[in-house]
Protein backbone atom coordinates (compact mmCIF):
# COMPACT_ATOMS: atom_id res chain seq x y z
CA MET A 1 -58.75 -93.49 8.86
CA GLN A 2 -55.43 -92.12 10.80
CA HIS A 3 -55.96 -89.48 13.34
CA HIS A 4 -52.89 -87.42 13.55
CA ILE A 5 -51.11 -87.37 17.24
CA HIS A 6 -49.64 -84.60 18.89
CA GLY A 7 -46.97 -85.10 21.67
CA SER A 8 -44.91 -83.20 24.27
CA TYR A 9 -41.51 -82.64 25.56
CA ASP A 10 -39.94 -83.01 29.01
CA MET A 11 -37.79 -80.08 29.25
CA MET A 12 -35.41 -81.77 31.81
CA LEU A 13 -34.70 -84.56 29.37
CA VAL A 14 -34.14 -82.03 26.41
CA VAL A 15 -31.81 -79.95 28.39
CA PHE A 16 -30.03 -83.40 29.48
CA SER A 17 -29.86 -84.39 25.81
CA TYR A 18 -27.99 -81.19 24.90
CA VAL A 19 -25.82 -81.63 28.13
CA VAL A 20 -24.56 -85.21 26.51
CA ALA A 21 -24.20 -83.44 23.17
CA VAL A 22 -22.06 -80.81 24.41
CA VAL A 23 -19.85 -83.11 26.54
CA VAL A 24 -19.45 -85.30 23.51
CA SER A 25 -18.81 -82.56 20.96
CA TYR A 26 -15.68 -81.19 23.76
CA THR A 27 -14.39 -84.53 23.96
CA VAL A 28 -14.19 -85.09 20.01
CA LEU A 29 -12.42 -81.74 19.60
CA ASP A 30 -9.92 -82.90 22.01
CA LEU A 31 -9.67 -86.41 20.68
CA ALA A 32 -9.47 -84.92 17.14
CA GLY A 33 -5.89 -83.38 17.54
CA ILE A 34 -4.73 -86.38 19.55
CA VAL A 35 -5.73 -88.40 16.09
CA ARG A 36 -3.85 -86.31 13.91
CA ALA A 37 -0.65 -86.23 16.11
CA ALA A 38 -0.46 -89.89 16.47
CA ASN A 39 1.53 -92.28 14.16
CA GLY A 40 0.94 -95.67 12.78
CA GLY A 41 -1.27 -98.29 15.01
CA ARG A 42 -1.77 -95.63 17.63
CA ARG A 43 -3.21 -93.29 15.49
CA TRP A 44 -5.85 -96.04 14.30
CA GLY A 45 -6.39 -97.05 17.84
CA TRP A 46 -7.45 -93.42 18.78
CA ILE A 47 -9.61 -93.29 15.44
CA ALA A 48 -11.44 -96.63 16.95
CA PHE A 49 -12.11 -94.81 20.29
CA GLY A 50 -12.67 -91.53 19.39
CA GLY A 51 -15.25 -92.79 16.84
CA SER A 52 -17.03 -94.94 19.08
CA VAL A 53 -17.01 -92.13 21.66
CA MET A 54 -18.49 -89.74 19.27
CA GLY A 55 -21.09 -92.31 17.49
CA LEU A 56 -22.33 -93.48 20.81
CA GLY A 57 -22.52 -90.24 22.27
CA ILE A 58 -24.64 -89.03 19.43
CA TRP A 59 -26.93 -91.98 19.39
CA SER A 60 -27.58 -91.58 23.25
CA MET A 61 -28.45 -87.97 22.88
CA HIS A 62 -30.76 -88.88 19.91
CA PHE A 63 -32.81 -91.64 22.07
CA ILE A 64 -32.58 -89.12 25.53
CA GLY A 65 -34.61 -86.86 23.01
CA MET A 66 -36.77 -89.45 21.41
CA LEU A 67 -37.76 -90.32 25.50
CA ALA A 68 -37.96 -86.54 25.89
CA PHE A 69 -40.95 -86.63 23.42
CA SER A 70 -44.23 -88.24 25.09
CA LEU A 71 -47.48 -89.38 23.03
CA PRO A 72 -50.88 -89.72 24.66
CA ILE A 73 -50.72 -93.51 23.70
CA PRO A 74 -48.61 -96.21 24.94
CA VAL A 75 -45.37 -96.48 22.60
CA ALA A 76 -43.09 -99.54 22.05
CA TYR A 77 -39.72 -99.83 20.24
CA ASP A 78 -38.53 -102.50 17.86
CA LEU A 79 -34.85 -103.43 19.84
CA ARG A 80 -33.26 -104.43 16.62
CA LEU A 81 -33.62 -101.44 14.96
CA VAL A 82 -32.50 -99.48 18.18
CA ALA A 83 -29.62 -101.53 18.25
CA LEU A 84 -28.73 -101.05 14.59
CA SER A 85 -29.50 -97.25 14.60
CA VAL A 86 -26.10 -97.01 16.38
CA LEU A 87 -24.03 -98.52 13.77
CA PRO A 88 -24.20 -95.57 11.09
CA ALA A 89 -23.48 -93.07 14.06
CA ILE A 90 -20.18 -94.62 14.78
CA PHE A 91 -19.19 -95.72 11.16
CA GLY A 92 -19.42 -92.16 10.03
CA SER A 93 -17.48 -90.74 13.23
CA LEU A 94 -14.87 -93.58 12.38
CA ALA A 95 -14.99 -92.42 8.53
CA ALA A 96 -14.79 -88.53 9.89
CA LEU A 97 -12.06 -89.02 12.20
CA GLY A 98 -10.50 -91.11 9.60
CA PHE A 99 -10.59 -88.08 7.00
CA VAL A 100 -9.36 -85.73 9.55
CA GLY A 101 -6.55 -87.70 10.88
CA ARG A 102 -4.59 -87.39 7.70
CA PRO A 103 -1.59 -85.49 7.45
CA LYS A 104 -2.78 -83.02 4.91
CA LEU A 105 -6.98 -82.32 4.46
CA THR A 106 -8.10 -80.08 1.54
CA THR A 107 -11.23 -78.51 1.26
CA ARG A 108 -12.64 -81.08 -0.64
CA GLY A 109 -11.61 -83.71 1.75
CA LEU A 110 -13.35 -81.74 4.45
CA PHE A 111 -16.71 -81.70 2.58
CA GLY A 112 -16.62 -85.16 1.72
CA ALA A 113 -15.59 -86.11 5.52
CA GLY A 114 -18.46 -83.69 6.39
CA THR A 115 -20.98 -85.54 4.32
CA VAL A 116 -19.94 -89.09 5.59
CA LEU A 117 -20.43 -88.05 9.10
CA ALA A 118 -24.02 -86.11 8.25
CA CYS A 119 -25.15 -89.08 6.32
CA GLY A 120 -24.33 -91.45 9.22
CA ILE A 121 -25.86 -89.22 12.00
CA SER A 122 -29.15 -88.79 9.52
CA ALA A 123 -29.17 -92.46 9.42
CA MET A 124 -29.07 -93.12 12.85
CA HIS A 125 -31.65 -90.89 13.54
CA TYR A 126 -34.44 -92.06 11.11
CA ILE A 127 -33.42 -95.45 11.56
CA GLY A 128 -33.84 -94.74 15.45
CA MET A 129 -37.43 -93.21 14.59
CA SER A 130 -38.59 -96.16 12.66
CA ALA A 131 -37.75 -98.33 15.51
CA VAL A 132 -41.01 -96.48 17.12
CA GLN A 133 -43.99 -98.99 16.81
CA ILE A 134 -46.46 -96.23 15.42
CA ASP A 135 -47.07 -94.75 11.98
CA ILE A 136 -45.13 -92.12 10.86
CA ALA A 137 -45.19 -89.47 8.19
CA TYR A 138 -42.80 -86.94 7.50
CA ARG A 139 -43.22 -83.54 6.09
CA PRO A 140 -40.53 -83.21 3.12
CA SER A 141 -39.40 -79.56 4.04
CA PHE A 142 -38.69 -79.93 7.59
CA PHE A 143 -37.01 -83.63 6.30
CA ALA A 144 -34.71 -81.61 3.87
CA LEU A 145 -34.04 -79.23 6.60
CA SER A 146 -32.70 -81.80 9.17
CA ILE A 147 -30.33 -83.27 6.49
CA LEU A 148 -28.96 -79.78 5.89
CA ILE A 149 -28.59 -79.04 9.98
CA ALA A 150 -26.67 -82.53 10.05
CA PHE A 151 -24.53 -81.59 7.27
CA GLY A 152 -23.68 -78.20 8.63
CA ALA A 153 -23.13 -79.53 12.25
CA SER A 154 -20.82 -82.04 10.77
CA LEU A 155 -18.98 -79.35 9.04
CA ALA A 156 -18.80 -77.16 11.90
CA ALA A 157 -17.28 -80.21 14.18
CA LEU A 158 -14.48 -80.92 11.67
CA TRP A 159 -13.68 -77.26 11.14
CA LEU A 160 -13.32 -76.44 14.49
CA SER A 161 -11.02 -79.63 15.11
CA LEU A 162 -8.71 -78.84 12.40
CA TYR A 163 -8.83 -74.99 13.67
CA PHE A 164 -7.54 -76.11 17.19
CA GLN A 165 -5.00 -78.91 15.84
CA ASN A 166 -3.54 -76.03 13.30
CA GLY A 167 -2.86 -73.79 16.21
CA GLY A 168 -5.68 -71.60 15.50
CA SER A 169 -5.92 -70.22 19.08
CA ARG A 170 -3.40 -69.23 21.95
CA PRO A 171 -2.72 -71.86 24.43
CA PHE A 172 -4.47 -69.58 27.23
CA ARG A 173 -7.56 -69.30 25.08
CA GLU A 174 -7.86 -72.76 23.80
CA VAL A 175 -10.00 -74.24 26.88
CA SER A 176 -12.45 -71.30 26.75
CA GLN A 177 -13.03 -71.55 22.92
CA LYS A 178 -13.32 -75.36 23.03
CA ILE A 179 -16.09 -74.97 25.81
CA ALA A 180 -17.67 -72.51 23.36
CA SER A 181 -17.09 -74.79 20.35
CA GLY A 182 -18.79 -77.76 22.15
CA LEU A 183 -21.66 -75.58 23.08
CA ILE A 184 -22.04 -74.66 19.27
CA MET A 185 -21.68 -78.06 18.13
CA GLY A 186 -24.12 -79.79 20.98
CA ALA A 187 -26.82 -76.97 19.85
CA ALA A 188 -26.23 -77.94 16.16
CA VAL A 189 -26.34 -82.24 16.84
CA VAL A 190 -29.56 -81.44 19.04
CA GLY A 191 -31.15 -79.00 16.28
CA MET A 192 -30.80 -81.63 13.66
CA HIS A 193 -32.72 -84.30 15.82
CA TYR A 194 -35.45 -81.93 16.88
CA THR A 195 -35.75 -80.77 13.58
CA GLY A 196 -35.98 -84.00 12.49
CA MET A 197 -38.91 -84.90 15.23
CA ALA A 198 -40.72 -81.75 14.06
CA ALA A 199 -40.45 -83.17 10.57
CA ALA A 200 -42.48 -86.53 12.00
CA ARG A 201 -46.28 -86.89 11.87
CA PHE A 202 -47.83 -89.48 14.27
CA HIS A 203 -50.98 -91.28 13.53
CA ALA A 204 -52.65 -93.93 15.27
CA GLY A 205 -53.41 -97.23 13.71
CA ASP A 206 -51.95 -100.70 13.31
CA LYS A 207 -48.28 -101.35 12.66
CA ALA A 208 -47.18 -104.65 12.13
CA HIS A 209 -44.60 -106.17 14.08
CA ALA A 210 -41.76 -108.61 12.44
CA ALA A 211 -40.95 -110.02 15.43
CA SER A 212 -43.11 -109.26 18.57
CA GLY A 213 -40.20 -110.93 20.71
CA MET A 214 -38.21 -108.00 19.76
CA ILE A 215 -40.49 -105.12 21.13
CA LEU A 216 -39.08 -103.18 23.96
CA ALA A 217 -41.55 -101.18 25.78
CA GLN A 218 -40.55 -97.52 26.60
CA HIS A 219 -39.61 -97.95 30.07
CA TRP A 220 -37.25 -100.67 29.03
CA LEU A 221 -35.95 -98.48 26.48
CA ALA A 222 -35.18 -95.89 29.43
CA TYR A 223 -33.22 -98.31 31.22
CA PHE A 224 -31.32 -99.19 27.55
CA ILE A 225 -30.63 -95.56 26.73
CA ALA A 226 -29.39 -94.59 30.53
CA ALA A 227 -26.92 -97.30 30.23
CA GLY A 228 -25.82 -96.02 26.75
CA THR A 229 -25.57 -92.74 27.95
CA LEU A 230 -23.75 -93.27 31.09
CA LEU A 231 -21.29 -95.54 28.51
CA SER A 232 -20.89 -92.48 26.52
CA LEU A 233 -20.51 -90.20 29.28
CA GLY A 234 -17.89 -92.36 31.06
CA LEU A 235 -16.05 -92.85 27.64
CA SER A 236 -16.09 -89.24 26.99
CA LEU A 237 -15.00 -88.48 30.43
CA LEU A 238 -12.32 -91.31 29.84
CA GLY A 239 -11.30 -89.46 26.77
CA ILE A 240 -10.88 -86.11 28.34
CA TYR A 241 -9.10 -87.33 30.81
CA ILE A 242 -6.57 -89.46 28.63
CA SER A 243 -6.61 -86.46 26.76
CA LYS A 244 -5.24 -83.84 29.21
CA ARG A 245 -2.69 -86.31 30.57
CA LEU A 246 -1.18 -86.33 27.26
CA SER A 247 -1.62 -82.65 26.98
CA TYR A 248 0.18 -82.45 30.45
CA LYS A 249 2.82 -84.85 29.27
CA ASP A 250 3.26 -83.19 25.97
CA SER A 251 3.32 -79.72 27.76
CA GLU A 252 5.82 -81.52 29.66
CA ILE A 253 7.96 -82.72 27.06
CA ARG A 254 7.66 -79.31 25.17
CA GLU A 255 9.20 -77.45 28.28
CA THR A 256 11.58 -80.10 28.90
CA ARG A 257 12.52 -79.62 25.22
CA GLU A 258 12.60 -75.80 25.36
CA GLU A 259 14.89 -76.21 28.34
CA VAL A 260 17.04 -78.16 26.67
CA VAL A 261 17.37 -75.93 23.42
CA ARG A 262 17.78 -73.14 25.98
CA LYS A 263 20.40 -74.70 27.66
CA ASN A 264 22.11 -75.78 24.60
CA ARG A 265 21.86 -72.26 23.30
CA GLU A 266 23.65 -71.05 26.57
CA LEU A 267 26.40 -73.81 26.36
CA GLN A 268 26.89 -73.12 22.76
CA GLU A 269 27.27 -69.28 23.72
CA LEU A 270 29.44 -70.59 26.50
CA ASN A 271 31.31 -72.79 24.16
CA ASP A 272 31.81 -69.97 21.48
CA ARG A 273 33.33 -67.46 24.15
CA LEU A 274 35.72 -69.93 25.62
CA GLU A 275 36.87 -70.61 21.83
CA GLU A 276 37.01 -67.07 21.54
CA LEU A 277 39.03 -66.88 24.86
CA VAL A 278 41.13 -69.97 23.81
CA ARG A 279 41.94 -68.12 20.60
CA GLU A 280 42.91 -64.74 22.22
CA ARG A 281 45.02 -66.34 24.40
CA THR A 282 46.38 -68.87 21.99
CA GLU A 283 47.49 -65.90 20.06
CA GLN A 284 48.73 -63.94 22.84
CA LEU A 285 51.14 -66.98 23.92
CA LEU A 286 52.17 -67.24 19.81
CA LEU A 287 53.15 -63.70 20.17
CA ALA A 288 54.59 -64.15 23.48
CA ARG A 289 56.79 -67.40 22.11
CA ASP A 290 57.52 -65.65 18.87
CA GLU A 291 58.77 -62.50 21.08
CA ALA A 292 60.74 -64.70 23.21
CA ILE A 293 62.44 -66.71 20.49
CA ARG A 294 63.41 -63.42 18.63
CA ALA A 295 64.70 -62.24 22.07
CA ASN A 296 66.54 -65.55 22.91
CA ARG A 297 68.05 -65.60 19.57
CA ILE A 298 69.16 -61.87 19.80
CA LYS A 299 70.66 -62.80 23.45
CA SER A 300 72.44 -65.88 21.88
CA GLN A 301 73.76 -63.93 18.92
CA PHE A 302 75.08 -61.14 21.48
CA LEU A 303 76.74 -64.00 23.65
CA ALA A 304 78.45 -65.39 20.53
CA ASN A 305 79.59 -62.23 19.15
CA MET A 306 81.11 -61.36 22.64
CA SER A 307 82.68 -64.79 23.13
CA HIS A 308 84.63 -64.34 20.04
CA GLU A 309 85.28 -60.57 20.86
CA LEU A 310 86.49 -61.94 24.25
CA ARG A 311 88.25 -64.89 23.03
CA THR A 312 90.68 -63.16 20.90
CA PRO A 313 92.32 -60.84 23.70
CA LEU A 314 92.42 -63.76 26.40
CA ASN A 315 94.10 -66.00 23.84
CA ALA A 316 96.79 -63.14 23.55
CA ILE A 317 97.10 -62.63 27.27
CA ILE A 318 97.64 -66.46 27.76
CA GLY A 319 99.96 -66.24 24.77
CA TYR A 320 102.32 -63.42 26.16
CA SER A 321 101.80 -64.84 29.84
CA GLU A 322 103.56 -68.05 28.63
CA MET A 323 106.17 -65.84 26.81
CA LEU A 324 106.95 -64.04 29.90
CA ILE A 325 107.16 -66.86 32.30
CA GLU A 326 109.75 -68.29 29.82
CA GLU A 327 111.81 -65.33 30.04
CA ALA A 328 111.21 -64.88 34.08
CA GLU A 329 112.42 -68.45 34.34
CA ASP A 330 115.67 -67.91 32.32
CA SER A 331 116.49 -64.53 34.25
CA GLY A 332 115.75 -66.49 37.24
CA LEU A 333 112.75 -64.22 38.64
CA GLU A 334 111.08 -66.89 40.22
CA GLN A 335 108.33 -64.63 42.00
CA PHE A 336 107.27 -62.63 38.94
CA SER A 337 107.27 -66.24 37.22
CA ARG A 338 104.81 -67.40 39.84
CA ASP A 339 102.74 -64.25 39.32
CA LEU A 340 102.71 -64.94 35.73
CA GLU A 341 101.51 -68.37 35.95
CA LYS A 342 98.46 -66.93 38.13
CA ILE A 343 97.73 -64.59 35.28
CA GLY A 344 97.71 -67.30 32.71
CA GLN A 345 95.78 -69.67 34.82
CA SER A 346 93.07 -66.96 35.44
CA GLY A 347 92.94 -66.00 31.77
CA LYS A 348 92.64 -69.79 30.72
CA HIS A 349 89.99 -70.39 33.42
CA LEU A 350 88.11 -67.35 31.95
CA LEU A 351 88.61 -68.82 28.35
CA ALA A 352 86.69 -71.89 29.53
CA LEU A 353 84.01 -69.89 30.93
CA ILE A 354 83.68 -68.19 27.29
CA SER A 355 83.89 -71.30 25.78
CA ASP A 356 80.95 -72.56 27.66
CA ILE A 357 78.88 -69.70 27.22
CA LEU A 358 79.67 -70.00 23.26
CA ASP A 359 78.53 -73.69 23.34
CA ILE A 360 75.43 -72.92 25.09
CA SER A 361 74.62 -70.03 22.73
CA LYS A 362 75.13 -72.31 19.81
CA ILE A 363 73.01 -75.02 21.45
CA GLU A 364 69.83 -72.76 22.27
CA ALA A 365 70.08 -71.09 18.52
CA GLY A 366 70.14 -74.75 17.05
CA LYS A 367 73.37 -74.09 15.41
CA THR A 368 75.51 -76.81 16.93
CA GLU A 369 77.16 -78.78 14.56
CA PHE A 370 78.39 -82.55 15.10
CA TYR A 371 81.55 -84.18 13.14
CA TYR A 372 81.70 -87.49 13.49
CA GLU A 373 84.62 -89.74 13.20
CA GLU A 374 85.97 -93.12 14.42
CA CYS A 375 86.93 -92.93 17.99
CA ASP A 376 89.71 -95.31 19.79
CA LEU A 377 88.31 -95.24 23.57
CA SER A 378 91.83 -96.33 24.96
CA ALA A 379 93.66 -93.78 23.01
CA LEU A 380 90.52 -91.45 24.12
CA VAL A 381 91.43 -91.99 27.71
CA ARG A 382 95.07 -92.28 27.44
CA ASN A 383 94.92 -88.59 25.92
CA LEU A 384 92.41 -87.45 28.68
CA LEU A 385 94.35 -88.42 31.64
CA PRO A 386 96.92 -85.96 31.68
CA THR A 387 94.64 -83.57 31.51
CA VAL A 388 92.23 -84.46 34.53
CA THR A 389 94.50 -86.28 36.83
CA PRO A 390 96.19 -83.26 38.13
CA MET A 391 92.84 -81.55 38.71
CA ILE A 392 91.37 -84.57 40.51
CA GLU A 393 94.57 -85.41 42.54
CA GLY A 394 95.07 -81.75 43.63
CA ALA A 395 91.99 -82.29 45.83
CA GLY A 396 93.22 -85.19 47.75
CA ASN A 397 91.22 -87.57 45.66
CA ARG A 398 92.23 -90.94 44.44
CA PHE A 399 91.55 -91.52 40.85
CA ALA A 400 91.02 -94.85 38.71
CA SER A 401 89.94 -95.61 35.50
CA ARG A 402 88.56 -98.71 33.66
CA CYS A 403 88.20 -98.86 29.94
CA GLU A 404 87.23 -101.87 27.89
CA PRO A 405 89.18 -101.69 24.12
CA GLY A 406 86.76 -100.70 21.45
CA THR A 407 85.73 -98.00 18.95
CA LEU A 408 82.55 -95.78 18.11
CA THR A 409 81.68 -93.41 15.76
CA THR A 410 80.81 -89.99 17.49
CA ASP A 411 82.08 -86.43 17.67
CA VAL A 412 85.66 -87.00 19.60
CA VAL A 413 85.98 -83.52 20.60
CA LYS A 414 82.38 -83.22 22.29
CA LEU A 415 83.13 -86.64 23.71
CA ARG A 416 86.21 -85.56 25.13
CA GLN A 417 84.43 -82.17 26.47
CA ILE A 418 81.67 -84.47 28.19
CA LEU A 419 84.10 -86.30 30.25
CA ILE A 420 86.01 -83.42 31.36
CA ASN A 421 82.98 -81.52 32.44
CA LEU A 422 81.70 -84.91 34.17
CA LEU A 423 85.22 -85.31 35.93
CA SER A 424 85.97 -81.79 36.48
CA ASN A 425 82.44 -81.55 38.50
CA ALA A 426 83.33 -84.70 40.27
CA ALA A 427 86.69 -83.04 41.53
CA LYS A 428 85.10 -80.02 42.18
CA PHE A 429 82.52 -81.48 44.49
CA THR A 430 84.77 -84.11 46.14
CA LYS A 431 87.76 -83.50 48.76
CA ASN A 432 89.78 -86.76 49.93
CA GLY A 433 87.56 -89.20 48.28
CA ASN A 434 87.63 -91.59 45.64
CA ILE A 435 86.54 -90.64 41.64
CA GLU A 436 86.33 -93.35 39.02
CA LEU A 437 85.80 -93.40 35.34
CA ASP A 438 84.19 -96.56 33.77
CA ILE A 439 83.75 -97.35 30.23
CA ALA A 440 81.98 -100.24 28.82
CA PRO A 441 79.83 -101.40 26.18
CA GLU A 442 76.13 -101.36 26.80
CA ASP A 443 73.10 -102.01 24.28
CA ARG A 444 69.77 -100.09 24.76
CA GLU A 445 66.48 -100.70 22.85
CA GLY A 446 68.21 -102.82 20.60
CA ARG A 447 71.15 -100.63 19.72
CA ALA A 448 74.81 -101.08 20.51
CA GLY A 449 76.63 -98.30 22.37
CA TYR A 450 79.08 -97.43 25.00
CA ARG A 451 78.39 -96.00 28.62
CA PHE A 452 80.51 -93.55 29.78
CA ARG A 453 80.13 -93.39 33.94
CA VAL A 454 81.64 -91.16 36.39
CA THR A 455 81.21 -91.89 40.25
CA ASP A 456 82.50 -89.91 43.16
CA THR A 457 82.10 -89.95 46.93
CA GLY A 458 81.47 -86.23 47.12
CA ILE A 459 78.70 -84.32 48.64
CA GLY A 460 75.98 -85.61 46.53
CA MET A 461 72.46 -84.13 45.55
CA SER A 462 68.57 -84.33 46.98
CA GLY A 463 66.13 -85.63 44.47
CA GLU A 464 65.07 -81.97 43.84
CA GLN A 465 68.47 -80.82 42.95
CA MET A 466 68.58 -83.72 40.32
CA GLU A 467 65.53 -82.71 39.01
CA ARG A 468 66.87 -79.34 37.75
CA ILE A 469 70.54 -79.98 37.52
CA PHE A 470 70.56 -80.28 33.82
CA GLN A 471 69.01 -76.74 33.22
CA PRO A 472 71.34 -74.08 32.20
CA PHE A 473 72.95 -71.77 34.62
CA THR A 474 71.77 -74.02 37.37
CA GLN A 475 73.76 -75.82 40.48
CA ALA A 476 72.19 -77.40 43.33
CA ASP A 477 71.67 -74.30 45.01
CA SER A 478 73.08 -70.65 45.59
CA SER A 479 75.78 -71.64 48.24
CA THR A 480 77.14 -74.21 45.69
CA THR A 481 78.18 -71.43 43.43
CA ARG A 482 79.79 -69.30 46.15
CA LYS A 483 81.37 -72.28 47.53
CA TYR A 484 82.70 -74.29 44.62
CA GLY A 485 82.40 -71.70 41.74
CA GLY A 486 81.27 -72.31 38.52
CA THR A 487 78.44 -70.97 36.04
CA GLY A 488 76.07 -74.25 35.96
CA LEU A 489 76.53 -74.62 32.27
CA GLY A 490 78.75 -77.86 32.16
CA LEU A 491 76.01 -80.31 32.44
CA ALA A 492 73.48 -78.66 30.40
CA ILE A 493 75.97 -78.59 27.66
CA SER A 494 77.01 -82.31 28.14
CA ARG A 495 73.22 -83.08 28.14
CA SER A 496 72.75 -81.24 24.72
CA PHE A 497 75.74 -82.70 23.26
CA CYS A 498 74.55 -86.54 24.34
CA LEU A 499 71.21 -85.74 22.87
CA GLY A 500 72.53 -84.47 19.83
CA MET A 501 74.73 -87.47 19.25
CA GLY A 502 71.75 -89.85 19.85
CA GLY A 503 72.40 -90.78 23.46
CA ASP A 504 71.41 -89.78 26.98
CA ILE A 505 72.71 -88.89 30.26
CA GLU A 506 71.31 -89.80 33.88
CA VAL A 507 72.42 -89.13 37.39
CA ARG A 508 72.04 -91.04 40.67
CA SER A 509 72.98 -89.45 44.01
CA GLU A 510 72.41 -89.34 47.65
CA PRO A 511 73.10 -86.35 49.66
CA GLY A 512 76.56 -86.78 51.27
CA ARG A 513 77.44 -90.21 49.88
CA GLY A 514 78.26 -89.12 46.21
CA SER A 515 76.84 -89.26 42.57
CA ALA A 516 77.23 -91.15 39.63
CA PHE A 517 76.86 -89.58 36.12
CA THR A 518 76.29 -92.05 33.14
CA CYS A 519 76.53 -91.27 29.48
CA TRP A 520 75.23 -93.54 26.88
CA LEU A 521 76.20 -93.06 23.25
CA PRO A 522 75.55 -95.28 20.18
CA SER A 523 78.09 -96.95 18.40
CA ARG A 524 76.89 -95.44 15.06
CA PRO A 525 75.11 -92.43 14.85
CA ASN A 526 71.61 -92.07 13.48
CA SER A 527 72.57 -89.78 10.41
CA PRO A 528 76.03 -89.66 9.99
CA ALA A 529 77.42 -85.99 9.28
């Protein structure tokens, strides 16, 4: 006849089993979020780690609870069943974390994961109970209640893990809520174990041992469980440490990302503001440019009109002065004739200035027209000499010209004006020196052409003066205008004519040693007029 045996609990071990359950529960809550956030092989690694920690922790808590229960007779354990009992807990935990780690978990999936975990915990508990070498009978009501508690504890654990993963709490409250959840989960796990213990009825009697060599005394089980508990707690602490480090890194990354987003937003705002400022400034510049173009066009039109209006009476003055000169010479009035010549020369000088103004006005208005024809260079020089020689030699200069025979298609009138401008400038700024005109063929960039070079031994120019010498209304300096006269338009007009005919003009000069102006024109224009 079997006698029912009553046991008692060591409350210190009961409390310790609860502490182990709480620590493991808290760790699993942290690891569940890491599992769901991980990808690929890393995710499966975290599932393996988390499932092992959870299963080993529940197993350790179970056997600590069994050690807390003492019977008035010696008790031994089957080592094989003790070792086997850890496997359902680990496999159930692995399966549950695998379910929870899915990107989308439905209510049906949650209940499935809870069922798997509850089965694993229950199997671990009752396999472990069967390792006790004593006859045990179970009360059906408490047995069923322990299974229900295991199922409820599993659902609670999985639901809480999802709650924290999905942002169910604010960051500053998350730690305290996880601790509270760990306490609840730990109580549920411990409640299942001690409900299962309450379902057991121990009876004294003989129990067959399958292999006496695999029987473990209770004190050895204590050492075994202590090692398992230390390993479980160590893994739990390691899991918490890794989780916190990852959380810290994630927090740093999140803060860095937020800072980058903020900086990008600020940069975008600055960029938008800069674009707005550039757009406004561009519009202002366009308006200013259009206004300047309009004003310049009005000015050029005014100058052109005024030049035409002035040329008519000046031509009349010059014509009448020439007629009066002839009459004065016939009458023997020499002094009167000389005075009339001065009037005529002044009129011609003024007419030349007006012609320059008219030319520069046409250039600025873009209305310069070129009339191309074949030009015999030797004939051009012969016709040019009577005009420029008196002007050059009148200042005590010696003049020499050299021209290689040839022809080119160009605007003869404008070429003649270019040469007169260059030679008159040389005569103006050279006293008792040498002035030369040299015309020779020269190819540039694969194009045939001629260069026209005027050199003098006059006052010369500095580099700064040469940079602005081709600008309209510009001379070397203000003293030049006072001393030598002129409007500063001749070189600007000459350069515009050269460019318009497909050529260019350049200058070399040294102060006190003279200047050399070179005009190059192609033998044939790009687009004949």
